[in-house]
């Protein structure tokens, strides 16, 4: 297993460079083109949620990420210092039921990744993409 930690300021200006660094790491460790695209979009959503909701776009706060890659999957964990959100609400609402301004990104991440789970009251998201699928 290969793993790497990333930490960046919790503002949108820093998020782009952080995302590119994480994607470079993923590409260098054997992601297919299809896996790259799915991971890129899901990672963008997770980072945007962490910056906008968890850090309130405040560069004094930090977003922490860990990427673990093994022969079977890519696992990305994104954690912010925010209060989290009602994780249970995301488990019951389907994509067609979401008419709010927020929450569509969760549905998008679910459609692109094989597994999504939450920790620390919603301030941490774990994305898992199986390799070769």
Protein backbone atom coordinates (compact mmCIF):
# COMPACT_ATOMS: atom_id res chain seq x y z
CA UNK A 1 0.00 0.00 0.00
CA UNK A 2 1.13 3.52 -0.84
CA UNK A 3 -0.16 6.49 1.15
CA UNK A 4 0.39 10.20 1.36
CA UNK A 5 -0.93 13.01 3.56
CA UNK A 6 -1.87 16.45 2.27
CA UNK A 7 -2.73 19.56 4.30
CA UNK A 8 -3.72 22.91 2.85
CA UNK A 9 -5.29 26.20 3.97
CA UNK A 10 -9.07 26.10 3.99
CA UNK A 11 -9.68 28.66 1.25
CA UNK A 12 -10.65 28.26 -2.39
CA UNK A 13 -7.37 29.72 -3.69
CA UNK A 14 -5.36 26.95 -2.02
CA UNK A 15 -7.84 24.22 -2.94
CA UNK A 16 -6.95 24.17 -6.66
CA UNK A 17 -3.22 23.58 -6.09
CA UNK A 18 -3.98 20.99 -3.41
CA UNK A 19 -6.36 19.13 -5.73
CA UNK A 20 -3.75 19.13 -8.51
CA UNK A 21 -1.09 17.75 -6.14
CA UNK A 22 -3.42 14.98 -5.03
CA UNK A 23 -4.39 14.12 -8.61
CA UNK A 24 -0.70 14.01 -9.61
CA UNK A 25 -0.12 11.48 -6.84
CA UNK A 26 -3.10 9.40 -8.02
CA UNK A 27 -2.00 9.52 -11.68
CA UNK A 28 1.58 8.53 -10.83
CA UNK A 29 0.25 5.49 -8.98
CA UNK A 30 -1.60 3.83 -11.81
CA UNK A 31 -5.10 5.26 -12.12
CA UNK A 32 -6.76 4.57 -15.45
CA UNK A 33 -8.20 7.50 -17.40
CA UNK A 34 -11.74 6.61 -16.31
CA UNK A 35 -10.70 6.28 -12.67
CA UNK A 36 -8.90 9.63 -12.87
CA UNK A 37 -11.99 11.42 -14.17
CA UNK A 38 -14.30 9.92 -11.54
CA UNK A 39 -11.83 10.60 -8.72
CA UNK A 40 -11.17 14.16 -9.94
CA UNK A 41 -14.85 15.11 -9.89
CA UNK A 42 -15.56 13.41 -6.53
CA UNK A 43 -12.42 14.89 -4.98
CA UNK A 44 -13.36 18.36 -6.23
CA UNK A 45 -16.77 18.04 -4.55
CA UNK A 46 -15.28 16.78 -1.27
CA UNK A 47 -12.67 19.54 -1.17
CA UNK A 48 -15.21 22.23 -2.04
CA UNK A 49 -17.47 21.02 0.78
CA UNK A 50 -14.54 21.06 3.22
CA UNK A 51 -13.45 24.57 2.20
CA UNK A 52 -16.88 26.19 1.90
CA UNK A 53 -18.78 24.48 4.72
CA UNK A 54 -16.10 23.20 7.10
CA UNK A 55 -13.61 26.06 6.88
CA UNK A 56 -15.97 28.84 5.77
CA UNK A 57 -13.34 29.72 3.09
CA UNK A 58 -10.94 30.75 5.88
CA UNK A 59 -7.25 30.25 5.03
CA UNK A 60 -6.38 30.24 8.74
CA UNK A 61 -8.15 26.87 9.01
CA UNK A 62 -6.80 23.69 7.43
CA UNK A 63 -8.14 20.81 5.38
CA UNK A 64 -6.38 17.48 5.87
CA UNK A 65 -6.43 14.71 3.29
CA UNK A 66 -4.99 11.24 3.14
CA UNK A 67 -4.78 9.10 0.01
CA UNK A 68 -4.16 5.37 0.28
CA UNK A 69 -3.66 3.27 -2.83
CA UNK A 70 -3.44 -0.51 -2.93
CA UNK A 71 -3.91 -3.01 -5.75
CA UNK A 72 -7.67 -3.08 -5.22
CA UNK A 73 -8.71 0.53 -4.54
CA UNK A 74 -8.03 4.23 -4.14
CA UNK A 75 -9.16 5.58 -0.75
CA UNK A 76 -9.31 9.32 -0.14
CA UNK A 77 -10.16 10.84 3.23
CA UNK A 78 -10.92 14.57 3.46
CA UNK A 79 -11.31 16.15 6.89
CA UNK A 80 -12.10 19.72 7.90
CA UNK A 81 -12.37 21.47 11.29
CA UNK A 82 -16.05 22.32 10.87
CA UNK A 83 -19.03 21.09 12.90
CA UNK A 84 -20.09 18.57 10.24
CA UNK A 85 -23.65 18.00 9.07
CA UNK A 86 -26.60 15.66 9.51
CA UNK A 87 -25.16 12.52 7.92
CA UNK A 88 -28.41 10.58 8.43
CA UNK A 89 -30.25 12.97 6.11
CA UNK A 90 -27.93 12.01 3.24
CA UNK A 91 -28.70 8.33 3.71
CA UNK A 92 -32.45 8.66 3.17
CA UNK A 93 -32.76 11.30 0.46
CA UNK A 94 -32.39 10.11 -3.10
CA UNK A 95 -31.07 12.37 -5.87
CA UNK A 96 -34.56 13.20 -7.11
CA UNK A 97 -35.65 14.25 -3.61
CA UNK A 98 -32.91 16.83 -3.23
CA UNK A 99 -34.35 20.22 -4.11
CA UNK A 100 -32.10 22.19 -1.78
CA UNK A 101 -29.27 24.43 -2.80
CA UNK A 102 -26.80 22.07 -1.09
CA UNK A 103 -26.38 18.31 -1.15
CA UNK A 104 -26.28 17.58 -4.88
CA UNK A 105 -22.52 17.08 -4.61
CA UNK A 106 -23.07 14.14 -2.26
CA UNK A 107 -25.27 12.46 -4.87
CA UNK A 108 -22.65 13.12 -7.52
CA UNK A 109 -19.86 11.64 -5.37
CA UNK A 110 -22.01 8.57 -4.69
CA UNK A 111 -22.54 8.04 -8.42
CA UNK A 112 -18.80 8.20 -9.18
CA UNK A 113 -17.29 6.27 -6.26
CA UNK A 114 -17.90 2.71 -5.07
CA UNK A 115 -18.28 3.70 -1.43
CA UNK A 116 -18.69 6.90 0.57
CA UNK A 117 -18.74 7.07 4.34
CA UNK A 118 -18.59 9.84 6.92
CA UNK A 119 -16.81 10.25 10.23
CA UNK A 120 -16.47 12.83 12.97
CA UNK A 121 -20.09 13.94 12.69
CA UNK A 122 -19.79 14.70 8.99
CA UNK A 123 -16.57 16.71 9.08
CA UNK A 124 -14.76 13.79 7.42
CA UNK A 125 -15.64 12.03 4.18
CA UNK A 126 -14.07 8.78 2.99
CA UNK A 127 -14.21 8.09 -0.75
CA UNK A 128 -13.36 4.64 -2.13
CA UNK A 129 -12.91 3.81 -5.81
CA UNK A 130 -12.26 0.20 -6.76
CA UNK A 131 -9.55 -0.25 -9.37
CA UNK A 132 -10.45 -1.62 -12.75
CA UNK A 133 -14.19 -0.95 -12.36
